[in-house]
Amino acid sequence: MLFCVQSAAVFGIEAYPVAVEVDLSSGQKLNFLTVGLPDPAVRESKERVKAALRNCGYPLPAQHITINLAPADV
């Protein structure tokens, strides 16, 4: 694992801790995988994360990027 940050999932007035773990591994082209929290919003997050990185001026590496959101049952 390369990075781990703490976040939260908010449901109504309740907030639940979520660990966001990011790993980079070698690859020929950008391959982006999000695992955990099986929700349509998570599946769509791939494009939002890529757009946010581009708009902040960060280059998208030609690597395999895995983002794990835990716990997956929140």
PDB file of N, CA and C in Angstrom:
ATOM      1  N   MET A   1       0.851  -1.167   0.000  1.00  0.00           N
ATOM      2  CA  MET A   1       0.000   0.000   0.000  1.00  0.00           C
ATOM      3  C   MET A   1       0.898   1.232   0.000  1.00  0.00           C
ATOM      4  N   LEU A   2       0.554   2.181  -0.855  1.00  0.00           N
ATOM      5  CA  LEU A   2       1.347   3.396  -0.977  1.00  0.00           C
ATOM      6  C   LEU A   2       0.858   4.487  -0.026  1.00  0.00           C
ATOM      7  N   PHE A   3      -0.455   4.714  -0.004  1.00  0.00           N
ATOM      8  CA  PHE A   3      -1.037   5.760   0.845  1.00  0.00           C
ATOM      9  C   PHE A   3      -2.254   5.214   1.573  1.00  0.00           C
ATOM     10  N   CYS A   4      -2.527   5.769   2.751  1.00  0.00           N
ATOM     11  CA  CYS A   4      -3.749   5.458   3.483  1.00  0.00           C
ATOM     12  C   CYS A   4      -4.217   6.738   4.160  1.00  0.00           C
ATOM     13  N   VAL A   5      -5.458   7.139   3.890  1.00  0.00           N
ATOM     14  CA  VAL A   5      -6.038   8.314   4.537  1.00  0.00           C
ATOM     15  C   VAL A   5      -7.367   7.907   5.161  1.00  0.00           C
ATOM     16  N   GLN A   6      -7.783   8.643   6.158  1.00  0.00           N
ATOM     17  CA  GLN A   6      -9.050   8.382   6.824  1.00  0.00           C
ATOM     18  C   GLN A   6     -10.111   9.330   6.276  1.00  0.00           C
ATOM     19  N   SER A   7     -11.289   8.785   6.013  1.00  0.00           N
ATOM     20  CA  SER A   7     -12.405   9.568   5.507  1.00  0.00           C
ATOM     21  C   SER A   7     -13.650   9.113   6.268  1.00  0.00           C
ATOM     22  N   ALA A   8     -14.816   9.462   5.750  1.00  0.00           N
ATOM     23  CA  ALA A   8     -16.060   9.043   6.394  1.00  0.00           C
ATOM     24  C   ALA A   8     -17.156   8.881   5.356  1.00  0.00           C
ATOM     25  N   ALA A   9     -18.060   7.964   5.637  1.00  0.00           N
ATOM     26  CA  ALA A   9     -19.276   7.793   4.852  1.00  0.00           C
ATOM     27  C   ALA A   9     -20.414   8.333   5.707  1.00  0.00           C
ATOM     28  N   VAL A  10     -21.198   9.239   5.153  1.00  0.00           N
ATOM     29  CA  VAL A  10     -22.277   9.875   5.904  1.00  0.00           C
ATOM     30  C   VAL A  10     -23.612   9.323   5.420  1.00  0.00           C
ATOM     31  N   PHE A  11     -24.401   8.814   6.371  1.00  0.00           N
ATOM     32  CA  PHE A  11     -25.745   8.326   6.102  1.00  0.00           C
ATOM     33  C   PHE A  11     -26.682   9.054   7.051  1.00  0.00           C
ATOM     34  N   GLY A  12     -27.478   9.973   6.527  1.00  0.00           N
ATOM     35  CA  GLY A  12     -28.349  10.776   7.383  1.00  0.00           C
ATOM     36  C   GLY A  12     -27.513  11.656   8.286  1.00  0.00           C
ATOM     37  N   ILE A  13     -27.667  11.471   9.599  1.00  0.00           N
ATOM     38  CA  ILE A  13     -26.858  12.253  10.537  1.00  0.00           C
ATOM     39  C   ILE A  13     -25.720  11.423  11.135  1.00  0.00           C
ATOM     40  N   GLU A  14     -25.568  10.198  10.680  1.00  0.00           N
ATOM     41  CA  GLU A  14     -24.512   9.308  11.171  1.00  0.00           C
ATOM     42  C   GLU A  14     -23.316   9.327  10.220  1.00  0.00           C
ATOM     43  N   ALA A  15     -22.122   9.325  10.777  1.00  0.00           N
ATOM     44  CA  ALA A  15     -20.889   9.241   9.987  1.00  0.00           C
ATOM     45  C   ALA A  15     -20.122   7.997  10.418  1.00  0.00           C
ATOM     46  N   TYR A  16     -19.626   7.257   9.439  1.00  0.00           N
ATOM     47  CA  TYR A  16     -18.886   6.033   9.702  1.00  0.00           C
ATOM     48  C   TYR A  16     -17.482   6.169   9.132  1.00  0.00           C
ATOM     49  N   PRO A  17     -16.458   5.791   9.906  1.00  0.00           N
ATOM     50  CA  PRO A  17     -15.088   5.920   9.403  1.00  0.00           C
ATOM     51  C   PRO A  17     -14.831   4.983   8.226  1.00  0.00           C
ATOM     52  N   VAL A  18     -14.096   5.485   7.246  1.00  0.00           N
ATOM     53  CA  VAL A  18     -13.710   4.711   6.070  1.00  0.00           C
ATOM     54  C   VAL A  18     -12.228   4.955   5.820  1.00  0.00           C
ATOM     55  N   ALA A  19     -11.469   3.887   5.700  1.00  0.00           N
ATOM     56  CA  ALA A  19     -10.053   4.000   5.339  1.00  0.00           C
ATOM     57  C   ALA A  19      -9.948   3.946   3.821  1.00  0.00           C
ATOM     58  N   VAL A  20      -9.240   4.891   3.235  1.00  0.00           N
ATOM     59  CA  VAL A  20      -9.013   4.932   1.792  1.00  0.00           C
ATOM     60  C   VAL A  20      -7.555   4.553   1.575  1.00  0.00           C
ATOM     61  N   GLU A  21      -7.326   3.385   0.986  1.00  0.00           N
ATOM     62  CA  GLU A  21      -5.980   2.880   0.752  1.00  0.00           C
ATOM     63  C   GLU A  21      -5.699   2.888  -0.743  1.00  0.00           C
ATOM     64  N   VAL A  22      -4.546   3.427  -1.132  1.00  0.00           N
ATOM     65  CA  VAL A  22      -4.185   3.535  -2.546  1.00  0.00           C
ATOM     66  C   VAL A  22      -2.888   2.780  -2.781  1.00  0.00           C
ATOM     67  N   ASP A  23      -2.856   1.999  -3.853  1.00  0.00           N
ATOM     68  CA  ASP A  23      -1.658   1.259  -4.225  1.00  0.00           C
ATOM     69  C   ASP A  23      -1.371   1.494  -5.704  1.00  0.00           C
ATOM     70  N   LEU A  24      -0.107   1.665  -6.040  1.00  0.00           N
ATOM     71  CA  LEU A  24       0.341   1.789  -7.425  1.00  0.00           C
ATOM     72  C   LEU A  24       1.207   0.587  -7.750  1.00  0.00           C
ATOM     73  N   SER A  25       1.018   0.020  -8.931  1.00  0.00           N
ATOM     74  CA  SER A  25       1.885  -1.059  -9.383  1.00  0.00           C
ATOM     75  C   SER A  25       2.185  -0.844 -10.855  1.00  0.00           C
ATOM     76  N   SER A  26       3.223  -1.500 -11.326  1.00  0.00           N
ATOM     77  CA  SER A  26       3.679  -1.258 -12.697  1.00  0.00           C
ATOM     78  C   SER A  26       2.618  -1.673 -13.710  1.00  0.00           C
ATOM     79  N   GLY A  27       2.623  -0.973 -14.816  1.00  0.00           N
ATOM     80  CA  GLY A  27       1.700  -1.249 -15.906  1.00  0.00           C
ATOM     81  C   GLY A  27       2.099  -0.460 -17.134  1.00  0.00           C
ATOM     82  N   GLN A  28       1.548  -0.818 -18.271  1.00  0.00           N
ATOM     83  CA  GLN A  28       1.862  -0.148 -19.530  1.00  0.00           C
ATOM     84  C   GLN A  28       1.000   1.086 -19.761  1.00  0.00           C
ATOM     85  N   LYS A  29      -0.216   1.075 -19.203  1.00  0.00           N
ATOM     86  CA  LYS A  29      -1.130   2.209 -19.366  1.00  0.00           C
ATOM     87  C   LYS A  29      -1.912   2.390 -18.073  1.00  0.00           C
ATOM     88  N   LEU A  30      -2.623   3.489 -17.980  1.00  0.00           N
ATOM     89  CA  LEU A  30      -3.420   3.766 -16.789  1.00  0.00           C
ATOM     90  C   LEU A  30      -4.530   2.734 -16.656  1.00  0.00           C
ATOM     91  N   ASN A  31      -4.564   2.063 -15.533  1.00  0.00           N
ATOM     92  CA  ASN A  31      -5.617   1.111 -15.206  1.00  0.00           C
ATOM     93  C   ASN A  31      -6.075   1.446 -13.795  1.00  0.00           C
ATOM     94  N   PHE A  32      -7.341   1.764 -13.637  1.00  0.00           N
ATOM     95  CA  PHE A  32      -7.876   2.310 -12.393  1.00  0.00           C
ATOM     96  C   PHE A  32      -8.919   1.349 -11.851  1.00  0.00           C
ATOM     97  N   LEU A  33      -8.747   0.872 -10.621  1.00  0.00           N
ATOM     98  CA  LEU A  33      -9.677  -0.071 -10.013  1.00  0.00           C
ATOM     99  C   LEU A  33     -10.079   0.426  -8.632  1.00  0.00           C
ATOM    100  N   THR A  34     -11.385   0.506  -8.376  1.00  0.00           N
ATOM    101  CA  THR A  34     -11.900   0.881  -7.061  1.00  0.00           C
ATOM    102  C   THR A  34     -12.599  -0.336  -6.473  1.00  0.00           C
ATOM    103  N   VAL A  35     -12.222  -0.715  -5.251  1.00  0.00           N
ATOM    104  CA  VAL A  35     -12.838  -1.867  -4.596  1.00  0.00           C
ATOM    105  C   VAL A  35     -13.406  -1.439  -3.249  1.00  0.00           C
ATOM    106  N   GLY A  36     -14.390  -2.188  -2.769  1.00  0.00           N
ATOM    107  CA  GLY A  36     -15.048  -1.852  -1.508  1.00  0.00           C
ATOM    108  C   GLY A  36     -16.250  -0.960  -1.744  1.00  0.00           C
ATOM    109  N   LEU A  37     -17.110  -0.875  -0.769  1.00  0.00           N
ATOM    110  CA  LEU A  37     -18.338  -0.066  -0.835  1.00  0.00           C
ATOM    111  C   LEU A  37     -19.056  -0.229  -2.174  1.00  0.00           C
ATOM    112  N   PRO A  38     -19.667  -1.389  -2.428  1.00  0.00           N
ATOM    113  CA  PRO A  38     -20.295  -1.667  -3.720  1.00  0.00           C
ATOM    114  C   PRO A  38     -21.556  -0.837  -3.932  1.00  0.00           C
ATOM    115  N   ASP A  39     -21.406   0.344  -4.445  1.00  0.00           N
ATOM    116  CA  ASP A  39     -22.488   1.295  -4.634  1.00  0.00           C
ATOM    117  C   ASP A  39     -22.284   1.964  -5.990  1.00  0.00           C
ATOM    118  N   PRO A  40     -23.348   2.341  -6.688  1.00  0.00           N
ATOM    119  CA  PRO A  40     -23.162   3.012  -7.988  1.00  0.00           C
ATOM    120  C   PRO A  40     -22.281   4.255  -7.908  1.00  0.00           C
ATOM    121  N   ALA A  41     -22.351   4.996  -6.813  1.00  0.00           N
ATOM    122  CA  ALA A  41     -21.521   6.197  -6.679  1.00  0.00           C
ATOM    123  C   ALA A  41     -20.043   5.841  -6.659  1.00  0.00           C
ATOM    124  N   VAL A  42     -19.695   4.703  -6.060  1.00  0.00           N
ATOM    125  CA  VAL A  42     -18.293   4.273  -6.028  1.00  0.00           C
ATOM    126  C   VAL A  42     -17.833   3.890  -7.421  1.00  0.00           C
ATOM    127  N   ARG A  43     -18.688   3.194  -8.172  1.00  0.00           N
ATOM    128  CA  ARG A  43     -18.315   2.813  -9.539  1.00  0.00           C
ATOM    129  C   ARG A  43     -18.077   4.051 -10.396  1.00  0.00           C
ATOM    130  N   GLU A  44     -18.859   5.112 -10.177  1.00  0.00           N
ATOM    131  CA  GLU A  44     -18.690   6.349 -10.938  1.00  0.00           C
ATOM    132  C   GLU A  44     -17.506   7.171 -10.443  1.00  0.00           C
ATOM    133  N   SER A  45     -17.006   6.872  -9.259  1.00  0.00           N
ATOM    134  CA  SER A  45     -15.941   7.685  -8.671  1.00  0.00           C
ATOM    135  C   SER A  45     -14.653   7.634  -9.474  1.00  0.00           C
ATOM    136  N   LYS A  46     -14.446   6.585 -10.249  1.00  0.00           N
ATOM    137  CA  LYS A  46     -13.228   6.475 -11.052  1.00  0.00           C
ATOM    138  C   LYS A  46     -13.051   7.696 -11.936  1.00  0.00           C
ATOM    139  N   GLU A  47     -14.079   8.092 -12.639  1.00  0.00           N
ATOM    140  CA  GLU A  47     -13.987   9.251 -13.530  1.00  0.00           C
ATOM    141  C   GLU A  47     -13.847  10.548 -12.744  1.00  0.00           C
ATOM    142  N   ARG A  48     -14.510  10.639 -11.593  1.00  0.00           N
ATOM    143  CA  ARG A  48     -14.391  11.851 -10.775  1.00  0.00           C
ATOM    144  C   ARG A  48     -12.988  12.015 -10.210  1.00  0.00           C
ATOM    145  N   VAL A  49     -12.382  10.932  -9.768  1.00  0.00           N
ATOM    146  CA  VAL A  49     -11.016  10.998  -9.232  1.00  0.00           C
ATOM    147  C   VAL A  49     -10.038  11.377 -10.337  1.00  0.00           C
ATOM    148  N   LYS A  50     -10.175  10.771 -11.509  1.00  0.00           N
ATOM    149  CA  LYS A  50      -9.283  11.106 -12.626  1.00  0.00           C
ATOM    150  C   LYS A  50      -9.430  12.572 -13.019  1.00  0.00           C
ATOM    151  N   ALA A  51     -10.651  13.080 -13.078  1.00  0.00           N
ATOM    152  CA  ALA A  51     -10.873  14.488 -13.428  1.00  0.00           C
ATOM    153  C   ALA A  51     -10.296  15.413 -12.362  1.00  0.00           C
ATOM    154  N   ALA A  52     -10.458  15.066 -11.094  1.00  0.00           N
ATOM    155  CA  ALA A  52      -9.921  15.899 -10.014  1.00  0.00           C
ATOM    156  C   ALA A  52      -8.399  15.964 -10.078  1.00  0.00           C
ATOM    157  N   LEU A  53      -7.745  14.840 -10.328  1.00  0.00           N
ATOM    158  CA  LEU A  53      -6.285  14.835 -10.441  1.00  0.00           C
ATOM    159  C   LEU A  53      -5.818  15.691 -11.617  1.00  0.00           C
ATOM    160  N   ARG A  54      -6.489  15.545 -12.762  1.00  0.00           N
ATOM    161  CA  ARG A  54      -6.129  16.351 -13.946  1.00  0.00           C
ATOM    162  C   ARG A  54      -6.313  17.833 -13.666  1.00  0.00           C
ATOM    163  N   ASN A  55      -7.442  18.215 -13.070  1.00  0.00           N
ATOM    164  CA  ASN A  55      -7.737  19.627 -12.808  1.00  0.00           C
ATOM    165  C   ASN A  55      -6.821  20.243 -11.758  1.00  0.00           C
ATOM    166  N   CYS A  56      -6.231  19.420 -10.906  1.00  0.00           N
ATOM    167  CA  CYS A  56      -5.260  19.914  -9.918  1.00  0.00           C
ATOM    168  C   CYS A  56      -3.848  19.962 -10.489  1.00  0.00           C
ATOM    169  N   GLY A  57      -3.697  19.541 -11.738  1.00  0.00           N
ATOM    170  CA  GLY A  57      -2.392  19.594 -12.381  1.00  0.00           C
ATOM    171  C   GLY A  57      -1.511  18.386 -12.135  1.00  0.00           C
ATOM    172  N   TYR A  58      -2.058  17.329 -11.541  1.00  0.00           N
ATOM    173  CA  TYR A  58      -1.266  16.128 -11.305  1.00  0.00           C
ATOM    174  C   TYR A  58      -1.310  15.236 -12.544  1.00  0.00           C
ATOM    175  N   PRO A  59      -0.174  14.718 -12.965  1.00  0.00           N
ATOM    176  CA  PRO A  59      -0.188  13.801 -14.111  1.00  0.00           C
ATOM    177  C   PRO A  59      -0.754  12.444 -13.693  1.00  0.00           C
ATOM    178  N   LEU A  60      -1.469  11.816 -14.604  1.00  0.00           N
ATOM    179  CA  LEU A  60      -1.968  10.468 -14.346  1.00  0.00           C
ATOM    180  C   LEU A  60      -0.883   9.490 -14.780  1.00  0.00           C
ATOM    181  N   PRO A  61      -0.370   8.687 -13.864  1.00  0.00           N
ATOM    182  CA  PRO A  61       0.731   7.785 -14.210  1.00  0.00           C
ATOM    183  C   PRO A  61       0.256   6.622 -15.075  1.00  0.00           C
ATOM    184  N   ALA A  62       1.147   6.124 -15.895  1.00  0.00           N
ATOM    185  CA  ALA A  62       0.851   4.933 -16.701  1.00  0.00           C
ATOM    186  C   ALA A  62       1.103   3.710 -15.824  1.00  0.00           C
ATOM    187  N   GLN A  63       0.294   3.572 -14.802  1.00  0.00           N
ATOM    188  CA  GLN A  63       0.433   2.483 -13.845  1.00  0.00           C
ATOM    189  C   GLN A  63      -0.942   1.946 -13.476  1.00  0.00           C
ATOM    190  N   HIS A  64      -0.923   0.820 -12.800  1.00  0.00           N
ATOM    191  CA  HIS A  64      -2.153   0.236 -12.277  1.00  0.00           C
ATOM    192  C   HIS A  64      -2.421   0.867 -10.910  1.00  0.00           C
ATOM    193  N   ILE A  65      -3.575   1.518 -10.755  1.00  0.00           N
ATOM    194  CA  ILE A  65      -3.942   2.188  -9.508  1.00  0.00           C
ATOM    195  C   ILE A  65      -5.111   1.428  -8.884  1.00  0.00           C
ATOM    196  N   THR A  66      -4.931   0.996  -7.642  1.00  0.00           N
ATOM    197  CA  THR A  66      -6.003   0.319  -6.915  1.00  0.00           C
ATOM    198  C   THR A  66      -6.365   1.161  -5.703  1.00  0.00           C
ATOM    199  N   ILE A  67      -7.659   1.458  -5.564  1.00  0.00           N
ATOM    200  CA  ILE A  67      -8.158   2.188  -4.401  1.00  0.00           C
ATOM    201  C   ILE A  67      -9.092   1.253  -3.643  1.00  0.00           C
ATOM    202  N   ASN A  68      -8.770   1.011  -2.380  1.00  0.00           N
ATOM    203  CA  ASN A  68      -9.583   0.153  -1.527  1.00  0.00           C
ATOM    204  C   ASN A  68     -10.279   1.021  -0.487  1.00  0.00           C
ATOM    205  N   LEU A  69     -11.593   0.872  -0.383  1.00  0.00           N
ATOM    206  CA  LEU A  69     -12.386   1.597   0.609  1.00  0.00           C
ATOM    207  C   LEU A  69     -12.847   0.584   1.651  1.00  0.00           C
ATOM    208  N   ALA A  70     -12.410   0.763   2.904  1.00  0.00           N
ATOM    209  CA  ALA A  70     -12.708  -0.228   3.934  1.00  0.00           C
ATOM    210  C   ALA A  70     -13.266   0.461   5.176  1.00  0.00           C
ATOM    211  N   PRO A  71     -14.204  -0.108   5.882  1.00  0.00           N
ATOM    212  CA  PRO A  71     -14.764  -1.430   5.634  1.00  0.00           C
ATOM    213  C   PRO A  71     -15.754  -1.403   4.479  1.00  0.00           C
ATOM    214  N   ALA A  72     -15.866  -2.514   3.796  1.00  0.00           N
ATOM    215  CA  ALA A  72     -16.721  -2.592   2.613  1.00  0.00           C
ATOM    216  C   ALA A  72     -18.200  -2.683   2.960  1.00  0.00           C
ATOM    217  N   ASP A  73     -18.532  -2.944   4.206  1.00  0.00           N
ATOM    218  CA  ASP A  73     -19.941  -3.142   4.572  1.00  0.00           C
ATOM    219  C   ASP A  73     -20.632  -1.880   5.068  1.00  0.00           C
ATOM    220  N   VAL A  74     -19.997  -0.734   4.983  1.00  0.00           N
ATOM    221  CA  VAL A  74     -20.618   0.520   5.438  1.00  0.00           C
ATOM    222  C   VAL A  74     -21.659   0.937   4.433  1.00  0.00           C
TER     223      VAL A  74
END
